[in-house]
Amino acid sequence: MSALKLRRRAHTDGSYLSASDIRVHFGLGAWTQAVTVLVEWPGGPKEEFGMLQVDRTVLLRQGSGKL
């Protein structure tokens, strides 16, 4: 399969006394290979997280990826 580019924004703002889920979900369809994710954190730094397995929840922490 060729490269797949998706963009999502995580935000927790909601209405008065409420908040949104901070998790970001990507539907990859029939994609079964490990994927690489490029994250642009608030404030501008970018990090790459490689060889992430599909069909699972992954926690990405700022400062733990490759710059």
C-alpha atoms as a PDB file:
ATOM      1  CA  MET A   1       0.000   0.000   0.000  1.00  0.00           C
ATOM      2  CA  SER A   2       1.111   3.559  -0.614  1.00  0.00           C
ATOM      3  CA  ALA A   3       1.471   6.309   1.982  1.00  0.00           C
ATOM      4  CA  LEU A   4      -1.677   7.391   3.759  1.00  0.00           C
ATOM      5  CA  LYS A   5      -1.852  10.959   5.063  1.00  0.00           C
ATOM      6  CA  LEU A   6      -4.400  11.824   7.734  1.00  0.00           C
ATOM      7  CA  ARG A   7      -4.645  14.894   9.920  1.00  0.00           C
ATOM      8  CA  ARG A   8      -6.403  15.188  13.271  1.00  0.00           C
ATOM      9  CA  ARG A   9      -6.410  17.867  15.973  1.00  0.00           C
ATOM     10  CA  ALA A  10      -6.674  16.951  19.654  1.00  0.00           C
ATOM     11  CA  HIS A  11      -8.507  19.480  21.774  1.00  0.00           C
ATOM     12  CA  THR A  12     -10.285  19.341  25.103  1.00  0.00           C
ATOM     13  CA  ASP A  13     -12.333  22.505  24.880  1.00  0.00           C
ATOM     14  CA  GLY A  14     -16.064  22.069  25.087  1.00  0.00           C
ATOM     15  CA  SER A  15     -18.938  24.028  26.456  1.00  0.00           C
ATOM     16  CA  TYR A  16     -19.466  25.241  30.013  1.00  0.00           C
ATOM     17  CA  LEU A  17     -18.424  22.571  32.587  1.00  0.00           C
ATOM     18  CA  SER A  18     -17.652  19.988  29.901  1.00  0.00           C
ATOM     19  CA  ALA A  19     -14.652  18.698  28.023  1.00  0.00           C
ATOM     20  CA  SER A  20     -13.928  16.577  24.959  1.00  0.00           C
ATOM     21  CA  ASP A  21     -11.947  13.347  24.830  1.00  0.00           C
ATOM     22  CA  ILE A  22      -8.273  14.146  24.128  1.00  0.00           C
ATOM     23  CA  ARG A  23      -7.675  10.856  22.286  1.00  0.00           C
ATOM     24  CA  VAL A  24      -7.233  11.045  18.527  1.00  0.00           C
ATOM     25  CA  HIS A  25      -8.662   8.162  16.509  1.00  0.00           C
ATOM     26  CA  PHE A  26      -7.515   7.201  13.011  1.00  0.00           C
ATOM     27  CA  GLY A  27      -9.468   4.719  10.937  1.00  0.00           C
ATOM     28  CA  LEU A  28      -6.984   2.989   8.631  1.00  0.00           C
ATOM     29  CA  GLY A  29      -9.431   0.807   6.715  1.00  0.00           C
ATOM     30  CA  ALA A  30      -7.740  -2.299   5.296  1.00  0.00           C
ATOM     31  CA  TRP A  31      -4.257  -1.084   6.264  1.00  0.00           C
ATOM     32  CA  THR A  32      -2.466  -3.928   8.101  1.00  0.00           C
ATOM     33  CA  GLN A  33       1.160  -2.757   8.147  1.00  0.00           C
ATOM     34  CA  ALA A  34       2.953  -0.921  10.934  1.00  0.00           C
ATOM     35  CA  VAL A  35       2.620   2.832  10.528  1.00  0.00           C
ATOM     36  CA  THR A  36       4.695   5.952  11.175  1.00  0.00           C
ATOM     37  CA  VAL A  37       3.018   8.939  12.808  1.00  0.00           C
ATOM     38  CA  LEU A  38       4.274  12.522  12.634  1.00  0.00           C
ATOM     39  CA  VAL A  39       3.026  14.676  15.524  1.00  0.00           C
ATOM     40  CA  GLU A  40       3.173  18.468  15.585  1.00  0.00           C
ATOM     41  CA  TRP A  41       2.879  19.404  19.259  1.00  0.00           C
ATOM     42  CA  PRO A  42       1.449  22.713  20.497  1.00  0.00           C
ATOM     43  CA  GLY A  43       4.193  25.297  20.347  1.00  0.00           C
ATOM     44  CA  GLY A  44       5.652  23.900  17.132  1.00  0.00           C
ATOM     45  CA  PRO A  45       8.001  20.942  17.828  1.00  0.00           C
ATOM     46  CA  LYS A  46       7.498  17.932  15.547  1.00  0.00           C
ATOM     47  CA  GLU A  47       8.255  14.298  16.401  1.00  0.00           C
ATOM     48  CA  GLU A  48       8.050  11.053  14.464  1.00  0.00           C
ATOM     49  CA  PHE A  49       6.893   7.793  16.005  1.00  0.00           C
ATOM     50  CA  GLY A  50       7.687   4.810  13.798  1.00  0.00           C
ATOM     51  CA  MET A  51       6.650   1.187  13.448  1.00  0.00           C
ATOM     52  CA  LEU A  52       3.393   1.541  15.401  1.00  0.00           C
ATOM     53  CA  GLN A  53       1.155  -1.489  15.135  1.00  0.00           C
ATOM     54  CA  VAL A  54      -2.383  -1.098  13.808  1.00  0.00           C
ATOM     55  CA  ASP A  55      -5.606  -2.142  15.633  1.00  0.00           C
ATOM     56  CA  ARG A  56      -4.497  -0.930  19.053  1.00  0.00           C
ATOM     57  CA  THR A  57      -4.381   2.113  21.278  1.00  0.00           C
ATOM     58  CA  VAL A  58      -0.969   3.807  21.434  1.00  0.00           C
ATOM     59  CA  LEU A  59       0.061   6.503  23.918  1.00  0.00           C
ATOM     60  CA  LEU A  60       2.454   9.040  22.392  1.00  0.00           C
ATOM     61  CA  ARG A  61       4.375  11.231  24.841  1.00  0.00           C
ATOM     62  CA  GLN A  62       6.032  14.476  23.839  1.00  0.00           C
ATOM     63  CA  GLY A  63       9.803  14.088  23.951  1.00  0.00           C
ATOM     64  CA  SER A  64       9.816  10.319  23.360  1.00  0.00           C
ATOM     65  CA  GLY A  65       9.757  10.356  19.538  1.00  0.00           C
ATOM     66  CA  LYS A  66      12.407  11.074  16.936  1.00  0.00           C
ATOM     67  CA  LEU A  67      12.911  14.741  16.078  1.00  0.00           C
END
